[in-house]
N, C-alpha and C. Protein backbone atom coordinates (compact mmCIF):
# COMPACT_ATOMS: atom_id res chain seq x y z
N MET A 1 132.91 15.17 133.22
CA MET A 1 131.66 14.50 132.95
C MET A 1 131.87 12.99 132.83
N ALA A 2 132.94 12.59 132.22
CA ALA A 2 133.16 11.16 132.00
C ALA A 2 133.39 10.42 133.31
N SER A 3 133.99 11.07 134.30
CA SER A 3 134.23 10.38 135.56
C SER A 3 133.00 10.40 136.46
N LYS A 4 132.06 11.29 136.23
CA LYS A 4 130.86 11.35 137.06
C LYS A 4 129.84 10.28 136.68
N ARG A 5 129.71 10.01 135.39
CA ARG A 5 128.69 9.06 134.95
C ARG A 5 128.89 7.66 135.51
N PRO A 6 130.09 7.07 135.42
CA PRO A 6 130.24 5.72 135.99
C PRO A 6 130.04 5.71 137.51
N GLY A 7 130.49 6.76 138.18
CA GLY A 7 130.31 6.82 139.62
C GLY A 7 128.85 6.91 140.02
N LEU A 8 128.11 7.76 139.31
CA LEU A 8 126.68 7.86 139.59
C LEU A 8 125.94 6.58 139.21
N GLY A 9 126.34 5.98 138.12
CA GLY A 9 125.73 4.71 137.72
C GLY A 9 125.97 3.61 138.74
N LEU A 10 127.19 3.54 139.25
CA LEU A 10 127.51 2.53 140.26
C LEU A 10 126.75 2.80 141.55
N TYR A 11 126.70 4.06 141.95
CA TYR A 11 125.94 4.43 143.16
C TYR A 11 124.46 4.05 143.00
N PHE A 12 123.88 4.42 141.86
CA PHE A 12 122.47 4.12 141.59
C PHE A 12 122.23 2.61 141.59
N ARG A 13 123.15 1.89 140.98
CA ARG A 13 123.01 0.43 140.88
C ARG A 13 123.07 -0.23 142.26
N LEU A 14 124.00 0.20 143.09
CA LEU A 14 124.15 -0.41 144.41
C LEU A 14 123.08 0.07 145.40
N ARG A 15 122.67 1.31 145.27
CA ARG A 15 121.70 1.87 146.23
C ARG A 15 120.29 1.37 145.99
N PHE A 16 119.84 1.36 144.75
CA PHE A 16 118.44 1.05 144.45
C PHE A 16 118.24 -0.34 143.85
N GLN A 17 119.26 -0.95 143.32
CA GLN A 17 119.22 -2.26 142.69
C GLN A 17 118.06 -2.38 141.70
N PRO A 18 118.09 -1.55 140.65
CA PRO A 18 116.99 -1.59 139.67
C PRO A 18 117.08 -2.84 138.79
N SER A 19 115.96 -3.14 138.17
CA SER A 19 115.97 -4.27 137.24
C SER A 19 116.73 -3.87 135.97
N PHE A 20 117.06 -4.86 135.16
CA PHE A 20 117.86 -4.62 133.96
C PHE A 20 117.16 -3.68 132.99
N TRP A 21 115.87 -3.84 132.75
CA TRP A 21 115.16 -3.00 131.78
C TRP A 21 115.14 -1.55 132.25
N PHE A 22 115.00 -1.32 133.55
CA PHE A 22 115.01 0.05 134.06
C PHE A 22 116.39 0.68 133.90
N HIS A 23 117.43 -0.11 134.12
CA HIS A 23 118.80 0.36 133.97
C HIS A 23 119.06 0.78 132.52
N ILE A 24 118.62 -0.01 131.58
CA ILE A 24 118.76 0.31 130.16
C ILE A 24 117.92 1.53 129.80
N LEU A 25 116.71 1.59 130.33
CA LEU A 25 115.81 2.70 130.06
C LEU A 25 116.39 4.04 130.52
N VAL A 26 117.14 4.03 131.60
CA VAL A 26 117.77 5.25 132.11
C VAL A 26 119.11 5.51 131.45
N SER A 27 119.89 4.47 131.20
CA SER A 27 121.26 4.63 130.69
C SER A 27 121.31 5.17 129.27
N ILE A 28 120.46 4.69 128.40
CA ILE A 28 120.51 5.10 126.99
C ILE A 28 120.25 6.60 126.83
N PRO A 29 119.21 7.17 127.44
CA PRO A 29 119.03 8.63 127.31
C PRO A 29 120.16 9.44 127.94
N VAL A 30 120.70 8.97 129.05
CA VAL A 30 121.80 9.70 129.69
C VAL A 30 123.02 9.73 128.78
N VAL A 31 123.35 8.62 128.18
CA VAL A 31 124.49 8.56 127.27
C VAL A 31 124.24 9.43 126.05
N LEU A 32 123.07 9.33 125.47
CA LEU A 32 122.77 10.11 124.27
C LEU A 32 122.75 11.61 124.55
N LEU A 33 122.18 12.02 125.67
CA LEU A 33 122.09 13.44 125.98
C LEU A 33 123.41 14.04 126.45
N SER A 34 124.32 13.20 126.92
CA SER A 34 125.59 13.74 127.39
C SER A 34 126.72 13.60 126.36
N CYS A 35 126.62 12.69 125.43
CA CYS A 35 127.69 12.47 124.44
C CYS A 35 127.43 13.15 123.11
N ILE A 36 126.24 13.00 122.58
CA ILE A 36 125.93 13.51 121.24
C ILE A 36 126.14 15.03 121.13
N PRO A 37 125.68 15.84 122.09
CA PRO A 37 125.89 17.29 121.95
C PRO A 37 127.37 17.71 121.96
N LEU A 38 128.24 16.90 122.53
CA LEU A 38 129.65 17.25 122.60
C LEU A 38 130.44 16.88 121.34
N LEU A 39 129.87 16.07 120.47
CA LEU A 39 130.61 15.61 119.30
C LEU A 39 131.03 16.75 118.37
N ARG A 40 130.12 17.64 118.07
CA ARG A 40 130.42 18.72 117.12
C ARG A 40 131.50 19.68 117.65
N PRO A 41 131.37 20.19 118.90
CA PRO A 41 132.43 21.08 119.40
C PRO A 41 133.80 20.40 119.51
N LEU A 42 133.80 19.15 119.92
CA LEU A 42 135.09 18.44 120.03
C LEU A 42 135.71 18.18 118.67
N LYS A 43 134.89 17.89 117.67
CA LYS A 43 135.41 17.70 116.32
C LYS A 43 135.97 19.02 115.80
N GLY A 44 135.30 20.13 116.06
CA GLY A 44 135.79 21.44 115.66
C GLY A 44 137.13 21.77 116.27
N ARG A 45 137.28 21.46 117.55
CA ARG A 45 138.58 21.70 118.22
C ARG A 45 139.66 20.83 117.63
N LEU A 46 139.32 19.58 117.35
CA LEU A 46 140.31 18.68 116.78
C LEU A 46 140.79 19.16 115.42
N VAL A 47 139.87 19.59 114.59
CA VAL A 47 140.23 20.08 113.26
C VAL A 47 141.02 21.38 113.38
N ALA A 48 140.65 22.26 114.31
CA ALA A 48 141.35 23.53 114.48
C ALA A 48 142.78 23.34 115.00
N ARG A 49 143.01 22.28 115.74
CA ARG A 49 144.35 22.07 116.30
C ARG A 49 145.32 21.45 115.31
N GLN A 50 144.82 20.93 114.20
CA GLN A 50 145.72 20.34 113.21
C GLN A 50 146.58 21.40 112.56
N ASP A 51 147.82 21.07 112.34
CA ASP A 51 148.73 22.02 111.70
C ASP A 51 148.77 21.88 110.22
């Protein structure tokens, strides 16, 4: 997932050349919807792996 987001963002930026406000309007929800849900499972794995 982490390698797809910058690639898609770069493609979108070069292909459509959106204005700055549109880029922010799209980027913030994408980051929030893709990062926030993963925090809890990743924290659980990290705690479980501690010896």
